[in-house]
Amino acid sequence: MNAPWLFWHRRDLRLADNLGLAQLAARTTAITGLVVLEPGLWQGPEAAPSRLWFLLASVAELQQAWRRAGSQLLVLQGDPLRQVPRLAARLEVVGLAFNEDVEPGPRQRDEQLERALLQRGVAVQRCWDQLLVPPEQVVTGSGEPYKVYGPYRRAWFNQAKADPVAAPENLTGPDHGRLAAASEAVPLLQRLPTPAELGCVWKGCSPCRPGEQAARQQLDGFVAGALSRYEPERNYPGREATSCLSAALRFGTVGARTVWQASQGAMATQGQECVEVQQAITVWQQELAWREFYQQALFHFPALAEGAFRPRWRQFPWRNRPEHFAAWCEGRTGYPIVDAAMRQLLETGWMHNRCRMIVASFLTKDLICDWRWGEAFFMQHLVDGDLAANNGGWQWSASSGMDPRPLRIFNPSTQATRFDEDGDYVRRWLPELASCGTADLLSGRIAPLERQGYPEPLVDHRQQQARFRQLYAVHVRGET
């Protein structure tokens, strides 16, 4: 019953509602936690200081939770393929448990690691935890994965959702001798580094709060407050109408079953009050389905990580002007709603979802830059940067992905007028334009004396829209 095991945390930085950990705790109480800090977290091309900050702060809280449970969380720095087998050998554990990942890179690594451990006589336990419904479970009548969100959502809603599981208690960790032997063989950290010590400086203030306790507080606060008005207010970036749980779900500081249970509880109580509240809760649940749609898509179609889902988009003649891309990145395109959103990203590591669609459409359809440039830039800055969601969102905006409507173009001025009608969001992130009249601010037609150094529009939307449609007609139209 008490054979020693390691539990490796990756996208599940919590003890409560952790399916893999709960399954392991049912067979043994001798469990030691593990987190591996891989160099790519701060050295890779898509390393984000905001995500490193969120990760380290969440791990620090997780260490305390493991101590309260009676064991400890070890932090290992390096390549898991090299270091985890060494750690397992020195600790003399009989097995390693972890929760599955949908991303192709981690999946390939996990397969290699499992083979290496099994050769050494170390058992491996794998479990699906990050999704409410495992990706293999929602398929079409012919057994194929879904490629369109609508049918997937309907099938997903019909699937049973498990209840949250309790955090384990009364665990025991490794004895001093084995821990000392492990410390001599592998780079176990005696204390967590700061982002600055790893060469990443993060001075922003994110609406996403790290750690399991904060995630639960944010969830409870959202369910008790903004959830009842989520639809239609979720579309207005100047209002606090979203949960800001995207980073918590990405890092697993909150469990998917906990979130679903909270939404169902709200439906059973608040949802009885009126149809509008029921609709608001349903729309939020549909957003959870969107998250899982993109996750299962990446699981079944790993090539999405490299390029467009639709074949003709793989040879699309993007214009890719570096100076245009730089202006987009720095929030100086001359389109206020676009620049406000990019400044929000740079300052907070987060961007409202409506604005993510606006800026993605602008980069791909107005500046005619490859969507993969924007995808990579987002991953370099987003605190909630997630390959499946980020890739899925960018391909949706570029029209290159799984979407029955192949061409979609957002007019920045129209979007601003509809969803920031008073200009509050733009004024917050572009203070130099605070004195501009609202109509001018939203349209972008700002008089020279009012610009205060703010740039003229980089391109003409109407002209670029026509140019993009011509390219689309020649290179993409007719694809099925």
Protein backbone atom coordinates (compact mmCIF):
# COMPACT_ATOMS: atom_id res chain seq x y z
CA MET A 1 0.00 0.00 0.00
CA ASN A 2 2.84 2.43 0.73
CA ALA A 3 5.27 1.80 -2.10
CA PRO A 4 6.87 5.18 -2.87
CA TRP A 5 5.84 7.07 -6.02
CA LEU A 6 6.59 10.39 -7.67
CA PHE A 7 3.81 12.62 -8.95
CA TRP A 8 4.96 15.01 -11.68
CA HIS A 9 2.98 18.26 -11.91
CA ARG A 10 2.88 19.91 -15.35
CA ARG A 11 -0.42 21.60 -16.22
CA ASP A 12 -2.03 20.75 -12.89
CA LEU A 13 -0.43 22.96 -10.24
CA ARG A 14 -2.90 22.07 -7.51
CA LEU A 15 -3.79 19.26 -5.10
CA ALA A 16 -7.60 19.50 -5.22
CA ASP A 17 -9.50 18.12 -8.21
CA ASN A 18 -6.37 16.48 -9.61
CA LEU A 19 -7.46 13.18 -11.14
CA GLY A 20 -4.00 11.68 -11.62
CA LEU A 21 -2.96 12.52 -8.08
CA ALA A 22 -6.23 11.23 -6.62
CA GLN A 23 -5.86 7.93 -8.48
CA LEU A 24 -2.32 7.58 -7.18
CA ALA A 25 -3.32 8.44 -3.61
CA ALA A 26 -5.88 5.61 -3.76
CA ARG A 27 -3.01 3.11 -4.09
CA THR A 28 -0.33 4.65 -1.86
CA THR A 29 0.22 7.51 0.57
CA ALA A 30 3.99 7.56 -0.01
CA ILE A 31 3.93 10.23 -2.71
CA THR A 32 6.49 12.93 -3.42
CA GLY A 33 5.54 15.80 -5.70
CA LEU A 34 7.74 16.97 -8.56
CA VAL A 35 7.96 20.04 -10.77
CA VAL A 36 10.56 20.25 -13.55
CA LEU A 37 11.75 23.70 -14.62
CA GLU A 38 12.90 23.22 -18.20
CA PRO A 39 15.25 25.86 -19.68
CA GLY A 40 12.78 26.52 -22.49
CA LEU A 41 10.54 28.25 -19.96
CA TRP A 42 12.88 31.24 -19.93
CA GLN A 43 15.26 30.68 -22.85
CA GLY A 44 13.04 29.43 -25.68
CA PRO A 45 11.81 31.54 -28.61
CA GLU A 46 8.32 31.68 -27.12
CA ALA A 47 9.27 32.05 -23.45
CA ALA A 48 7.10 34.66 -21.75
CA PRO A 49 8.20 36.50 -18.58
CA SER A 50 4.55 36.79 -17.51
CA ARG A 51 4.03 33.04 -17.72
CA LEU A 52 7.26 32.35 -15.84
CA TRP A 53 6.09 34.71 -13.10
CA PHE A 54 2.71 32.95 -12.88
CA LEU A 55 4.35 29.52 -12.88
CA LEU A 56 6.90 30.25 -10.16
CA ALA A 57 4.37 31.94 -7.90
CA SER A 58 1.99 29.00 -8.32
CA VAL A 59 4.74 26.46 -7.62
CA ALA A 60 5.71 28.33 -4.44
CA GLU A 61 2.14 27.99 -3.15
CA LEU A 62 2.01 24.36 -4.28
CA GLN A 63 5.10 23.57 -2.21
CA GLN A 64 3.29 24.82 0.87
CA ALA A 65 0.26 22.68 0.02
CA TRP A 66 2.43 19.56 -0.24
CA ARG A 67 3.96 20.28 3.14
CA ARG A 68 0.53 20.65 4.70
CA ALA A 69 -0.43 17.30 3.15
CA GLY A 70 2.54 15.69 4.91
CA SER A 71 5.00 15.32 2.05
CA GLN A 72 6.99 17.71 -0.12
CA LEU A 73 7.25 19.06 -3.64
CA LEU A 74 10.69 18.73 -5.23
CA VAL A 75 11.73 21.21 -7.91
CA LEU A 76 14.12 19.88 -10.51
CA GLN A 77 15.85 22.03 -13.12
CA GLY A 78 16.86 20.56 -16.46
CA ASP A 79 15.76 18.13 -19.16
CA PRO A 80 13.10 15.71 -17.80
CA LEU A 81 14.24 12.94 -20.15
CA ARG A 82 17.66 12.97 -18.51
CA GLN A 83 16.93 14.00 -14.97
CA VAL A 84 13.64 12.32 -14.03
CA PRO A 85 14.93 8.73 -14.44
CA ARG A 86 17.96 9.63 -12.33
CA LEU A 87 15.76 11.13 -9.64
CA ALA A 88 13.46 8.10 -9.66
CA ALA A 89 16.47 5.79 -9.23
CA ARG A 90 17.99 7.74 -6.32
CA LEU A 91 14.66 8.06 -4.52
CA GLU A 92 14.03 4.36 -5.18
CA VAL A 93 10.44 4.98 -6.20
CA VAL A 94 8.42 2.22 -7.82
CA GLY A 95 6.56 4.51 -10.18
CA LEU A 96 5.99 7.93 -11.74
CA ALA A 97 2.49 9.34 -12.24
CA PHE A 98 1.44 12.34 -14.31
CA ASN A 99 -1.52 13.75 -16.18
CA GLU A 100 -1.65 13.66 -19.98
CA ASP A 101 -1.01 16.61 -22.31
CA VAL A 102 -2.51 17.25 -25.75
CA GLU A 103 0.53 19.03 -27.22
CA PRO A 104 2.66 17.02 -29.65
CA GLY A 105 6.02 17.94 -28.11
CA PRO A 106 5.15 16.91 -24.54
CA ARG A 107 3.37 13.79 -25.78
CA GLN A 108 6.46 12.66 -27.67
CA ARG A 109 8.62 13.40 -24.63
CA ASP A 110 6.27 11.47 -22.35
CA GLU A 111 6.42 8.42 -24.61
CA GLN A 112 10.22 8.49 -24.54
CA LEU A 113 10.29 8.94 -20.79
CA GLU A 114 7.84 6.11 -20.19
CA ARG A 115 9.95 3.72 -22.26
CA ALA A 116 13.10 4.73 -20.36
CA LEU A 117 11.43 4.25 -16.98
CA LEU A 118 9.86 0.91 -17.86
CA GLN A 119 13.27 -0.36 -18.94
CA ARG A 120 14.50 0.51 -15.43
CA GLY A 121 11.59 -1.27 -13.79
CA VAL A 122 9.75 1.94 -12.83
CA ALA A 123 6.00 1.87 -13.42
CA VAL A 124 4.17 4.76 -15.12
CA GLN A 125 0.63 5.94 -14.44
CA ARG A 126 -0.98 8.36 -16.93
CA CYS A 127 -4.36 10.03 -16.62
CA TRP A 128 -6.47 12.65 -18.41
CA ASP A 129 -7.10 15.62 -16.15
CA GLN A 130 -6.97 18.93 -18.04
CA LEU A 131 -10.16 18.28 -20.00
CA LEU A 132 -13.70 17.57 -18.85
CA VAL A 133 -14.00 15.01 -21.62
CA PRO A 134 -10.92 13.09 -22.91
CA PRO A 135 -10.15 13.92 -26.56
CA GLU A 136 -10.70 10.35 -27.78
CA GLN A 137 -14.17 10.26 -26.25
CA VAL A 138 -15.92 12.89 -28.40
CA VAL A 139 -15.99 11.63 -31.98
CA THR A 140 -18.42 11.58 -34.89
CA GLY A 141 -20.70 8.68 -35.68
CA SER A 142 -18.00 7.28 -37.97
CA GLY A 143 -15.41 7.49 -35.21
CA GLU A 144 -13.59 10.52 -36.65
CA PRO A 145 -12.54 13.57 -34.62
CA TYR A 146 -14.67 16.66 -35.01
CA LYS A 147 -13.36 19.43 -37.26
CA VAL A 148 -16.19 21.92 -36.70
CA TYR A 149 -17.02 23.46 -33.34
CA GLY A 150 -20.84 23.42 -33.56
CA PRO A 151 -21.31 19.65 -33.87
CA TYR A 152 -18.47 19.09 -31.38
CA ARG A 153 -20.15 21.36 -28.84
CA ARG A 154 -23.45 19.50 -29.11
CA ALA A 155 -21.74 16.13 -28.67
CA TRP A 156 -19.58 17.51 -25.84
CA PHE A 157 -22.56 18.79 -23.89
CA ASN A 158 -24.11 15.33 -24.06
CA GLN A 159 -21.07 13.74 -22.43
CA ALA A 160 -21.14 13.06 -18.69
CA LYS A 161 -18.80 15.30 -16.67
CA ALA A 162 -17.04 13.89 -13.62
CA ASP A 163 -17.28 15.57 -10.23
CA PRO A 164 -14.20 17.17 -8.63
CA VAL A 165 -12.04 14.94 -6.46
CA ALA A 166 -10.66 15.86 -3.05
CA ALA A 167 -7.05 16.75 -2.35
CA PRO A 168 -5.03 13.89 -0.81
CA GLU A 169 -4.13 14.00 2.88
CA ASN A 170 -1.71 12.30 5.24
CA LEU A 171 0.98 11.73 2.64
CA THR A 172 4.57 10.80 3.39
CA GLY A 173 7.67 11.95 1.54
CA PRO A 174 11.15 10.47 1.02
CA ASP A 175 13.46 9.89 3.96
CA HIS A 176 16.48 12.13 4.49
CA GLY A 177 19.00 9.63 3.14
CA ARG A 178 17.27 9.10 -0.17
CA LEU A 179 16.66 12.81 -0.59
CA ALA A 180 20.35 13.54 0.07
CA ALA A 181 21.36 10.91 -2.49
CA ALA A 182 18.99 12.42 -5.04
CA SER A 183 20.36 15.92 -4.42
CA GLU A 184 23.86 14.69 -5.25
CA ALA A 185 22.74 13.14 -8.54
CA VAL A 186 20.29 15.64 -10.02
CA PRO A 187 19.91 19.46 -9.94
CA LEU A 188 17.25 19.74 -7.23
CA LEU A 189 16.65 23.35 -6.26
CA GLN A 190 16.87 24.26 -2.60
CA ARG A 191 14.77 27.35 -3.27
CA LEU A 192 12.75 28.64 -6.18
CA PRO A 193 14.50 31.21 -8.38
CA THR A 194 12.86 34.52 -9.20
CA PRO A 195 12.06 35.39 -12.81
CA ALA A 196 14.82 38.02 -12.68
CA GLU A 197 17.37 35.40 -11.61
CA LEU A 198 16.45 33.45 -14.73
CA GLY A 199 16.88 36.51 -16.92
CA CYS A 200 13.19 37.37 -17.25
CA VAL A 201 11.87 40.66 -15.95
CA TRP A 202 8.13 40.96 -15.38
CA LYS A 203 6.84 44.23 -13.97
CA GLY A 204 3.32 44.02 -15.28
CA CYS A 205 0.11 43.72 -13.31
CA SER A 206 -1.98 40.82 -14.60
CA PRO A 207 -5.69 40.26 -13.91
CA CYS A 208 -4.82 36.54 -13.75
CA ARG A 209 -3.69 35.69 -10.22
CA PRO A 210 -1.33 32.75 -9.60
CA GLY A 211 -1.90 29.88 -7.22
CA GLU A 212 -4.67 27.46 -6.33
CA GLN A 213 -6.22 29.64 -3.63
CA ALA A 214 -6.44 32.72 -5.84
CA ALA A 215 -7.93 30.70 -8.71
CA ARG A 216 -10.67 29.44 -6.45
CA GLN A 217 -11.34 32.94 -5.16
CA GLN A 218 -11.56 34.29 -8.70
CA LEU A 219 -13.92 31.50 -9.71
CA ASP A 220 -16.19 32.05 -6.72
CA GLY A 221 -16.21 35.81 -7.22
CA PHE A 222 -17.04 35.48 -10.91
CA VAL A 223 -19.84 32.97 -10.33
CA ALA A 224 -21.36 35.17 -7.64
CA GLY A 225 -21.07 38.32 -9.72
CA ALA A 226 -20.31 38.80 -13.42
CA LEU A 227 -21.44 35.35 -14.60
CA SER A 228 -25.11 36.34 -14.54
CA ARG A 229 -24.40 39.11 -17.08
CA TYR A 230 -21.65 37.30 -19.02
CA GLU A 231 -23.75 37.45 -22.16
CA PRO A 232 -23.66 40.01 -23.72
CA GLU A 233 -21.15 41.91 -21.54
CA ARG A 234 -18.31 39.49 -22.31
CA ASN A 235 -17.86 41.29 -25.63
CA TYR A 236 -17.10 44.69 -24.08
CA PRO A 237 -13.38 44.97 -23.21
CA GLY A 238 -13.90 48.04 -21.02
CA ARG A 239 -16.12 46.11 -18.60
CA GLU A 240 -15.08 43.57 -15.98
CA ALA A 241 -17.34 40.83 -17.26
CA THR A 242 -15.04 37.83 -17.80
CA SER A 243 -13.62 35.32 -15.32
CA CYS A 244 -9.90 35.96 -16.02
CA LEU A 245 -9.39 32.25 -15.29
CA SER A 246 -7.58 31.54 -18.56
CA ALA A 247 -4.14 31.33 -16.94
CA ALA A 248 -5.52 29.25 -14.07
CA LEU A 249 -6.92 26.76 -16.57
CA ARG A 250 -3.74 26.82 -18.63
CA PHE A 251 -1.52 26.02 -15.61
CA GLY A 252 -4.12 23.96 -13.83
CA THR A 253 -4.30 25.99 -10.64
CA VAL A 254 -8.01 25.24 -10.91
CA GLY A 255 -9.51 21.97 -12.14
CA ALA A 256 -11.84 21.76 -15.12
CA ARG A 257 -14.36 19.75 -13.07
CA THR A 258 -14.35 22.41 -10.34
CA VAL A 259 -15.14 25.09 -12.92
CA TRP A 260 -17.89 23.01 -14.52
CA GLN A 261 -19.44 22.20 -11.15
CA ALA A 262 -19.47 25.90 -10.29
CA SER A 263 -21.28 26.71 -13.54
CA GLN A 264 -23.80 23.96 -12.94
CA GLY A 265 -24.38 25.19 -9.40
CA ALA A 266 -25.03 28.68 -10.74
CA MET A 267 -27.47 27.28 -13.29
CA ALA A 268 -29.39 25.49 -10.54
CA THR A 269 -29.66 28.64 -8.42
CA GLN A 270 -29.21 31.87 -10.36
CA GLY A 271 -30.40 30.30 -13.60
CA GLN A 272 -33.86 29.82 -12.16
CA GLU A 273 -34.30 33.58 -11.87
CA CYS A 274 -34.65 34.44 -15.54
CA VAL A 275 -33.96 33.27 -19.07
CA GLU A 276 -31.24 35.88 -19.57
CA VAL A 277 -29.19 34.50 -16.69
CA GLN A 278 -29.59 30.96 -17.99
CA GLN A 279 -28.34 32.15 -21.37
CA ALA A 280 -25.34 33.89 -19.80
CA ILE A 281 -24.30 30.74 -17.94
CA THR A 282 -24.82 28.59 -21.04
CA VAL A 283 -22.61 30.87 -23.12
CA TRP A 284 -19.84 30.63 -20.52
CA GLN A 285 -20.15 26.84 -20.60
CA GLN A 286 -19.87 27.03 -24.38
CA GLU A 287 -16.59 28.86 -23.94
CA LEU A 288 -15.35 25.88 -21.91
CA ALA A 289 -16.40 23.71 -24.85
CA TRP A 290 -14.40 25.98 -27.20
CA ARG A 291 -11.34 25.41 -25.02
CA GLU A 292 -11.78 21.65 -25.23
CA PHE A 293 -12.51 21.77 -28.97
CA TYR A 294 -9.12 23.36 -29.62
CA GLN A 295 -7.43 20.92 -27.23
CA GLN A 296 -8.90 17.86 -28.95
CA ALA A 297 -8.09 19.36 -32.35
CA LEU A 298 -4.40 19.64 -31.47
CA PHE A 299 -4.45 16.13 -30.01
CA HIS A 300 -5.89 14.60 -33.18
CA PHE A 301 -4.14 16.90 -35.66
CA PRO A 302 -0.67 17.67 -34.23
CA ALA A 303 0.38 19.26 -37.53
CA LEU A 304 -1.70 22.28 -36.49
CA ALA A 305 1.26 23.30 -34.33
CA GLU A 306 3.33 23.81 -37.49
CA GLY A 307 0.94 25.43 -39.92
CA ALA A 308 -2.48 25.94 -41.44
CA PHE A 309 -5.16 23.28 -41.28
CA ARG A 310 -6.49 24.24 -44.73
CA PRO A 311 -3.95 23.18 -47.41
CA ARG A 312 -4.24 26.19 -49.72
CA TRP A 313 -3.36 28.54 -46.87
CA ARG A 314 0.04 26.88 -46.58
CA GLN A 315 1.19 28.67 -49.73
CA PHE A 316 -0.66 31.94 -49.17
CA PRO A 317 1.47 34.92 -50.36
CA TRP A 318 1.63 36.93 -47.14
CA ARG A 319 3.16 40.40 -47.59
CA ASN A 320 5.06 40.20 -44.29
CA ARG A 321 6.46 43.72 -44.08
CA PRO A 322 8.69 43.81 -40.97
CA GLU A 323 7.98 47.48 -40.30
CA HIS A 324 4.24 46.83 -40.30
CA PHE A 325 4.65 43.89 -37.95
CA ALA A 326 6.83 45.96 -35.60
CA ALA A 327 4.19 48.72 -35.50
CA TRP A 328 1.52 46.14 -34.68
CA CYS A 329 3.66 44.64 -31.92
CA GLU A 330 4.34 48.02 -30.35
CA GLY A 331 0.78 49.35 -30.52
CA ARG A 332 1.39 52.12 -33.05
CA THR A 333 -0.72 51.16 -36.07
CA GLY A 334 -2.81 54.32 -35.88
CA TYR A 335 -5.97 52.30 -35.21
CA PRO A 336 -6.86 53.09 -31.58
CA ILE A 337 -8.73 49.87 -30.70
CA VAL A 338 -5.87 47.78 -32.11
CA ASP A 339 -3.17 49.77 -30.35
CA ALA A 340 -5.06 49.84 -27.05
CA ALA A 341 -5.32 46.07 -27.10
CA MET A 342 -1.63 45.61 -27.90
CA ARG A 343 -0.67 47.94 -25.07
CA GLN A 344 -2.87 45.97 -22.72
CA LEU A 345 -1.00 42.82 -23.75
CA LEU A 346 2.42 44.41 -23.29
CA GLU A 347 1.57 45.86 -19.88
CA THR A 348 -0.47 43.02 -18.36
CA GLY A 349 0.37 39.84 -20.26
CA TRP A 350 -3.34 39.48 -20.99
CA MET A 351 -5.81 40.69 -23.58
CA HIS A 352 -9.59 40.64 -23.70
CA ASN A 353 -10.85 37.96 -26.08
CA ARG A 354 -12.81 40.37 -28.27
CA CYS A 355 -9.62 42.35 -28.73
CA ARG A 356 -7.62 39.21 -29.53
CA MET A 357 -9.93 38.71 -32.50
CA ILE A 358 -9.68 42.36 -33.54
CA VAL A 359 -5.88 42.54 -33.50
CA ALA A 360 -5.51 39.13 -35.15
CA SER A 361 -7.84 40.13 -37.96
CA PHE A 362 -5.95 43.40 -38.38
CA LEU A 363 -2.55 41.69 -38.62
CA THR A 364 -3.69 39.07 -41.11
CA LYS A 365 -6.34 40.90 -43.15
CA ASP A 366 -5.17 44.54 -43.01
CA LEU A 367 -1.40 44.20 -42.75
CA ILE A 368 -1.46 40.85 -44.59
CA CYS A 369 1.15 39.36 -42.27
CA ASP A 370 1.45 35.63 -41.67
CA TRP A 371 -0.74 34.62 -38.73
CA ARG A 372 2.14 32.55 -37.35
CA TRP A 373 4.03 35.80 -36.65
CA GLY A 374 1.18 36.95 -34.44
CA GLU A 375 0.78 33.54 -32.86
CA ALA A 376 4.45 33.53 -31.82
CA PHE A 377 4.28 37.10 -30.51
CA PHE A 378 1.28 36.26 -28.38
CA MET A 379 3.09 33.25 -26.93
CA GLN A 380 6.02 35.51 -26.03
CA HIS A 381 3.74 37.73 -23.92
CA LEU A 382 0.52 36.00 -22.84
CA VAL A 383 0.32 34.91 -19.22
CA ASP A 384 -2.28 32.37 -20.37
CA GLY A 385 -0.33 31.38 -23.48
CA ASP A 386 -1.51 27.91 -24.47
CA LEU A 387 -0.55 26.27 -27.77
CA ALA A 388 -3.97 24.77 -28.49
CA ALA A 389 -6.03 27.86 -27.64
CA ASN A 390 -3.58 30.33 -29.15
CA ASN A 391 -3.14 28.36 -32.36
CA GLY A 392 -6.86 27.72 -32.65
CA GLY A 393 -7.71 31.37 -32.13
CA TRP A 394 -5.18 32.60 -34.65
CA GLN A 395 -6.23 30.10 -37.29
CA TRP A 396 -9.87 31.09 -36.68
CA SER A 397 -8.97 34.74 -37.23
CA ALA A 398 -6.77 34.04 -40.25
CA SER A 399 -9.45 31.76 -41.75
CA SER A 400 -6.86 29.00 -42.16
CA GLY A 401 -8.24 26.63 -39.53
CA MET A 402 -11.23 24.47 -38.71
CA ASP A 403 -14.06 26.81 -39.58
CA PRO A 404 -17.05 26.37 -41.88
CA ARG A 405 -16.93 30.10 -42.63
CA PRO A 406 -13.58 30.45 -44.42
CA LEU A 407 -13.29 34.24 -44.68
CA ARG A 408 -13.80 36.68 -41.84
CA ILE A 409 -12.61 40.32 -41.74
CA PHE A 410 -13.12 42.69 -38.81
CA ASN A 411 -13.39 46.42 -39.36
CA PRO A 412 -11.50 47.98 -36.42
CA SER A 413 -13.63 51.11 -36.35
CA THR A 414 -16.88 49.16 -36.45
CA GLN A 415 -15.67 46.85 -33.69
CA ALA A 416 -14.67 49.81 -31.52
CA THR A 417 -18.00 51.54 -32.07
CA ARG A 418 -19.97 48.41 -31.19
CA PHE A 419 -17.97 47.19 -28.21
CA ASP A 420 -16.33 50.30 -26.74
CA GLU A 421 -19.08 52.79 -27.48
CA ASP A 422 -17.91 55.33 -24.90
CA GLY A 423 -14.23 54.87 -25.69
CA ASP A 424 -13.40 53.89 -22.10
CA TYR A 425 -11.18 50.97 -23.06
CA VAL A 426 -9.23 52.93 -25.67
CA ARG A 427 -8.72 55.89 -23.34
CA ARG A 428 -7.44 53.62 -20.58
CA TRP A 429 -4.66 52.17 -22.70
CA LEU A 430 -4.02 55.18 -24.92
CA PRO A 431 -3.97 58.03 -22.39
CA GLU A 432 -2.46 60.40 -24.96
CA LEU A 433 -5.84 60.32 -26.72
CA ALA A 434 -7.94 60.82 -23.59
CA SER A 435 -9.14 64.28 -24.65
CA CYS A 436 -10.30 63.20 -28.12
CA GLY A 437 -13.97 63.18 -28.91
CA THR A 438 -15.48 59.72 -28.69
CA ALA A 439 -16.57 59.54 -32.32
CA ASP A 440 -13.11 60.50 -33.55
CA LEU A 441 -11.46 58.16 -31.08
CA LEU A 442 -13.47 55.16 -32.22
CA SER A 443 -13.23 55.88 -35.93
CA GLY A 444 -9.53 56.68 -35.79
CA ARG A 445 -10.08 59.92 -37.70
CA ILE A 446 -8.21 62.09 -35.22
CA ALA A 447 -7.21 65.69 -35.98
CA PRO A 448 -3.45 66.37 -36.11
CA LEU A 449 -3.53 68.71 -33.10
CA GLU A 450 -5.22 66.03 -30.98
CA ARG A 451 -2.83 63.23 -31.83
CA GLN A 452 -0.21 64.15 -29.21
CA GLY A 453 2.37 62.07 -31.07
CA TYR A 454 -0.04 59.24 -31.83
CA PRO A 455 0.67 57.91 -35.36
CA GLU A 456 -1.42 58.25 -38.47
CA PRO A 457 -3.13 55.03 -39.65
CA LEU A 458 -0.52 52.64 -41.01
CA VAL A 459 -2.77 51.42 -43.82
CA ASP A 460 -6.21 52.15 -45.23
CA HIS A 461 -8.60 49.46 -44.04
CA ARG A 462 -10.87 49.60 -47.09
CA GLN A 463 -7.97 49.33 -49.53
CA GLN A 464 -6.29 46.52 -47.60
CA GLN A 465 -9.55 44.65 -47.29
CA ALA A 466 -9.96 44.74 -51.07
CA ARG A 467 -6.34 43.69 -51.56
CA PHE A 468 -6.72 40.76 -49.21
CA ARG A 469 -9.91 39.60 -50.88
CA GLN A 470 -8.12 39.58 -54.23
CA LEU A 471 -5.34 37.40 -52.82
CA TYR A 472 -7.92 35.13 -51.24
CA ALA A 473 -9.86 34.78 -54.51
CA VAL A 474 -6.73 33.70 -56.37
CA HIS A 475 -5.08 31.46 -53.79
CA VAL A 476 -7.75 30.07 -51.49
CA ARG A 477 -11.34 30.36 -52.69
CA GLY A 478 -12.97 27.09 -53.61
CA GLU A 479 -11.10 25.04 -51.04
CA THR A 480 -13.26 22.56 -49.20
